[in-house]
Amino acid sequence: MQKTPIIIIAQLFISLMMAFAMTGIFSLLDLVFSLAWLHTWATRFIVAWPIAFCLSLVIGNLGFKIAFKVSNLLKLQSAAQ
């Protein structure tokens, strides 16, 4: 498992990139390319990034726990065969 500072820094960048991409894509679907789209994207990104960061800290840990459990189950199944 990675050290906590690395996980937090990684989640910071992951949440930034995901919030940037997702708000851009979904606002683009509504507004197509225009100045209104750029303004809406910027506003939504500013709101979405902190939310995405907080959620990624919780969901990221849950995702790792589930991945380890699934990995261990697959190892047990392949060892039994």
N, C-alpha and C. Protein backbone atom coordinates (compact mmCIF):
# COMPACT_ATOMS: atom_id res chain seq x y z
N MET A 1 0.85 -1.18 0.00
CA MET A 1 0.00 0.00 0.00
C MET A 1 0.89 1.24 0.00
N GLN A 2 0.46 2.26 -0.69
CA GLN A 2 1.22 3.51 -0.77
C GLN A 2 1.15 4.26 0.55
N LYS A 3 2.13 5.13 0.78
CA LYS A 3 2.12 5.96 1.97
C LYS A 3 1.03 7.03 1.84
N THR A 4 0.48 7.44 2.97
CA THR A 4 -0.64 8.38 3.00
C THR A 4 -0.37 9.68 2.23
N PRO A 5 0.80 10.34 2.38
CA PRO A 5 1.01 11.59 1.62
C PRO A 5 0.92 11.37 0.11
N ILE A 6 1.44 10.25 -0.38
CA ILE A 6 1.37 9.94 -1.82
C ILE A 6 -0.07 9.75 -2.24
N ILE A 7 -0.85 9.06 -1.44
CA ILE A 7 -2.26 8.82 -1.78
C ILE A 7 -3.02 10.14 -1.83
N ILE A 8 -2.78 11.02 -0.88
CA ILE A 8 -3.49 12.30 -0.86
C ILE A 8 -3.09 13.16 -2.05
N ILE A 9 -1.80 13.20 -2.36
CA ILE A 9 -1.35 13.98 -3.52
C ILE A 9 -1.92 13.39 -4.81
N ALA A 10 -1.90 12.08 -4.92
CA ALA A 10 -2.45 11.42 -6.11
C ALA A 10 -3.94 11.73 -6.23
N GLN A 11 -4.68 11.65 -5.13
CA GLN A 11 -6.12 11.95 -5.16
C GLN A 11 -6.37 13.40 -5.53
N LEU A 12 -5.49 14.29 -5.12
CA LEU A 12 -5.60 15.70 -5.48
C LEU A 12 -5.54 15.86 -7.00
N PHE A 13 -4.55 15.22 -7.63
CA PHE A 13 -4.41 15.32 -9.08
C PHE A 13 -5.50 14.55 -9.82
N ILE A 14 -5.85 13.39 -9.33
CA ILE A 14 -6.89 12.59 -9.97
C ILE A 14 -8.22 13.33 -9.94
N SER A 15 -8.57 13.88 -8.78
CA SER A 15 -9.84 14.60 -8.67
C SER A 15 -9.83 15.86 -9.53
N LEU A 16 -8.68 16.54 -9.61
CA LEU A 16 -8.57 17.72 -10.47
C LEU A 16 -8.83 17.35 -11.92
N MET A 17 -8.17 16.31 -12.39
CA MET A 17 -8.31 15.92 -13.80
C MET A 17 -9.72 15.41 -14.10
N MET A 18 -10.28 14.63 -13.19
CA MET A 18 -11.62 14.10 -13.42
C MET A 18 -12.67 15.21 -13.38
N ALA A 19 -12.57 16.12 -12.41
CA ALA A 19 -13.53 17.22 -12.32
C ALA A 19 -13.41 18.12 -13.56
N PHE A 20 -12.19 18.38 -13.99
CA PHE A 20 -11.96 19.21 -15.17
C PHE A 20 -12.58 18.57 -16.41
N ALA A 21 -12.32 17.29 -16.61
CA ALA A 21 -12.84 16.59 -17.79
C ALA A 21 -14.36 16.44 -17.74
N MET A 22 -14.87 15.99 -16.60
CA MET A 22 -16.30 15.72 -16.52
C MET A 22 -17.14 16.99 -16.63
N THR A 23 -16.73 18.07 -15.95
CA THR A 23 -17.51 19.30 -16.05
C THR A 23 -17.42 19.86 -17.47
N GLY A 24 -16.28 19.73 -18.10
CA GLY A 24 -16.13 20.19 -19.48
C GLY A 24 -17.02 19.43 -20.43
N ILE A 25 -17.02 18.12 -20.30
CA ILE A 25 -17.81 17.27 -21.21
C ILE A 25 -19.30 17.53 -21.03
N PHE A 26 -19.76 17.51 -19.77
CA PHE A 26 -21.20 17.64 -19.56
C PHE A 26 -21.71 19.04 -19.84
N SER A 27 -20.91 20.06 -19.57
CA SER A 27 -21.38 21.41 -19.94
C SER A 27 -21.31 21.60 -21.45
N LEU A 28 -20.37 20.95 -22.12
CA LEU A 28 -20.28 21.02 -23.58
C LEU A 28 -21.52 20.38 -24.23
N LEU A 29 -22.01 19.30 -23.64
CA LEU A 29 -23.21 18.66 -24.19
C LEU A 29 -24.41 19.60 -24.14
N ASP A 30 -24.48 20.42 -23.11
CA ASP A 30 -25.60 21.36 -22.97
C ASP A 30 -25.44 22.60 -23.84
N LEU A 31 -24.22 23.13 -23.92
CA LEU A 31 -24.04 24.47 -24.47
C LEU A 31 -23.21 24.54 -25.76
N VAL A 32 -22.66 23.45 -26.24
CA VAL A 32 -21.72 23.42 -27.36
C VAL A 32 -20.63 24.48 -27.17
N PHE A 33 -19.76 24.66 -28.14
CA PHE A 33 -18.65 25.60 -27.99
C PHE A 33 -19.16 27.03 -28.06
N SER A 34 -18.98 27.77 -26.97
CA SER A 34 -19.38 29.18 -26.93
C SER A 34 -18.74 29.82 -25.69
N LEU A 35 -18.87 31.13 -25.58
CA LEU A 35 -18.37 31.81 -24.39
C LEU A 35 -19.17 31.40 -23.16
N ALA A 36 -20.46 31.18 -23.35
CA ALA A 36 -21.30 30.72 -22.24
C ALA A 36 -20.82 29.37 -21.73
N TRP A 37 -20.40 28.49 -22.65
CA TRP A 37 -19.87 27.19 -22.25
C TRP A 37 -18.61 27.34 -21.41
N LEU A 38 -17.68 28.21 -21.84
CA LEU A 38 -16.44 28.42 -21.07
C LEU A 38 -16.74 28.94 -19.67
N HIS A 39 -17.66 29.89 -19.56
CA HIS A 39 -18.02 30.43 -18.25
C HIS A 39 -18.66 29.35 -17.38
N THR A 40 -19.59 28.60 -17.96
CA THR A 40 -20.27 27.54 -17.22
C THR A 40 -19.29 26.47 -16.78
N TRP A 41 -18.38 26.08 -17.69
CA TRP A 41 -17.38 25.07 -17.37
C TRP A 41 -16.52 25.53 -16.19
N ALA A 42 -16.03 26.75 -16.25
CA ALA A 42 -15.17 27.26 -15.17
C ALA A 42 -15.91 27.28 -13.84
N THR A 43 -17.15 27.74 -13.86
CA THR A 43 -17.94 27.81 -12.62
C THR A 43 -18.19 26.42 -12.06
N ARG A 44 -18.58 25.50 -12.92
CA ARG A 44 -18.86 24.13 -12.46
C ARG A 44 -17.59 23.44 -11.97
N PHE A 45 -16.47 23.69 -12.62
CA PHE A 45 -15.20 23.09 -12.20
C PHE A 45 -14.80 23.56 -10.81
N ILE A 46 -14.95 24.86 -10.56
CA ILE A 46 -14.58 25.42 -9.26
C ILE A 46 -15.41 24.77 -8.14
N VAL A 47 -16.65 24.46 -8.42
CA VAL A 47 -17.51 23.80 -7.44
C VAL A 47 -17.20 22.30 -7.37
N ALA A 48 -16.97 21.68 -8.51
CA ALA A 48 -16.83 20.22 -8.57
C ALA A 48 -15.52 19.71 -8.00
N TRP A 49 -14.42 20.44 -8.16
CA TRP A 49 -13.13 19.90 -7.75
C TRP A 49 -13.05 19.61 -6.25
N PRO A 50 -13.41 20.54 -5.37
CA PRO A 50 -13.33 20.21 -3.95
C PRO A 50 -14.23 19.04 -3.56
N ILE A 51 -15.40 18.98 -4.19
CA ILE A 51 -16.31 17.87 -3.91
C ILE A 51 -15.69 16.56 -4.38
N ALA A 52 -15.13 16.57 -5.59
CA ALA A 52 -14.50 15.36 -6.14
C ALA A 52 -13.32 14.93 -5.28
N PHE A 53 -12.54 15.87 -4.77
CA PHE A 53 -11.39 15.54 -3.93
C PHE A 53 -11.86 14.86 -2.64
N CYS A 54 -12.83 15.44 -1.97
CA CYS A 54 -13.33 14.84 -0.72
C CYS A 54 -13.90 13.44 -0.96
N LEU A 55 -14.68 13.31 -2.02
CA LEU A 55 -15.26 12.01 -2.32
C LEU A 55 -14.19 10.99 -2.70
N SER A 56 -13.15 11.44 -3.42
CA SER A 56 -12.11 10.50 -3.85
C SER A 56 -11.33 9.94 -2.66
N LEU A 57 -11.21 10.71 -1.60
CA LEU A 57 -10.51 10.21 -0.41
C LEU A 57 -11.26 9.04 0.21
N VAL A 58 -12.57 9.13 0.23
CA VAL A 58 -13.39 8.06 0.80
C VAL A 58 -13.55 6.92 -0.20
N ILE A 59 -13.96 7.26 -1.40
CA ILE A 59 -14.23 6.24 -2.41
C ILE A 59 -12.95 5.54 -2.85
N GLY A 60 -11.84 6.29 -2.91
CA GLY A 60 -10.56 5.68 -3.28
C GLY A 60 -10.16 4.60 -2.31
N ASN A 61 -10.27 4.87 -1.02
CA ASN A 61 -9.95 3.85 -0.02
C ASN A 61 -10.86 2.65 -0.13
N LEU A 62 -12.14 2.89 -0.33
CA LEU A 62 -13.10 1.80 -0.50
C LEU A 62 -12.75 0.99 -1.75
N GLY A 63 -12.39 1.67 -2.83
CA GLY A 63 -12.01 0.98 -4.06
C GLY A 63 -10.80 0.08 -3.88
N PHE A 64 -9.79 0.58 -3.14
CA PHE A 64 -8.61 -0.24 -2.87
C PHE A 64 -8.97 -1.47 -2.04
N LYS A 65 -9.81 -1.30 -1.02
CA LYS A 65 -10.21 -2.44 -0.18
C LYS A 65 -10.95 -3.49 -1.00
N ILE A 66 -11.87 -3.05 -1.84
CA ILE A 66 -12.60 -3.99 -2.69
C ILE A 66 -11.66 -4.68 -3.66
N ALA A 67 -10.72 -3.93 -4.25
CA ALA A 67 -9.77 -4.52 -5.20
C ALA A 67 -8.91 -5.58 -4.53
N PHE A 68 -8.44 -5.30 -3.30
CA PHE A 68 -7.64 -6.29 -2.58
C PHE A 68 -8.45 -7.55 -2.27
N LYS A 69 -9.71 -7.37 -1.88
CA LYS A 69 -10.56 -8.53 -1.58
C LYS A 69 -10.81 -9.36 -2.83
N VAL A 70 -11.12 -8.69 -3.94
CA VAL A 70 -11.35 -9.41 -5.20
C VAL A 70 -10.08 -10.12 -5.64
N SER A 71 -8.96 -9.44 -5.52
CA SER A 71 -7.67 -10.04 -5.89
C SER A 71 -7.39 -11.28 -5.06
N ASN A 72 -7.64 -11.19 -3.76
CA ASN A 72 -7.43 -12.34 -2.89
C ASN A 72 -8.38 -13.48 -3.23
N LEU A 73 -9.63 -13.16 -3.55
CA LEU A 73 -10.58 -14.19 -3.96
C LEU A 73 -10.12 -14.88 -5.24
N LEU A 74 -9.65 -14.12 -6.19
CA LEU A 74 -9.17 -14.71 -7.45
C LEU A 74 -7.96 -15.59 -7.21
N LYS A 75 -7.07 -15.16 -6.31
CA LYS A 75 -5.91 -15.99 -5.96
C LYS A 75 -6.33 -17.30 -5.32
N LEU A 76 -7.33 -17.22 -4.44
CA LEU A 76 -7.84 -18.44 -3.78
C LEU A 76 -8.48 -19.37 -4.79
N GLN A 77 -9.25 -18.81 -5.71
CA GLN A 77 -9.91 -19.63 -6.72
C GLN A 77 -8.91 -20.29 -7.66
N SER A 78 -7.89 -19.53 -8.08
CA SER A 78 -6.90 -20.11 -8.98
C SER A 78 -6.04 -21.13 -8.26
N ALA A 79 -5.80 -20.95 -6.97
CA ALA A 79 -5.02 -21.92 -6.19
C ALA A 79 -5.81 -23.20 -5.99
N ALA A 80 -7.13 -23.11 -5.91
CA ALA A 80 -7.98 -24.28 -5.68
C ALA A 80 -8.11 -25.13 -6.95
N GLN A 81 -7.84 -24.55 -8.10
CA GLN A 81 -8.00 -25.30 -9.36
C GLN A 81 -6.83 -26.12 -9.69
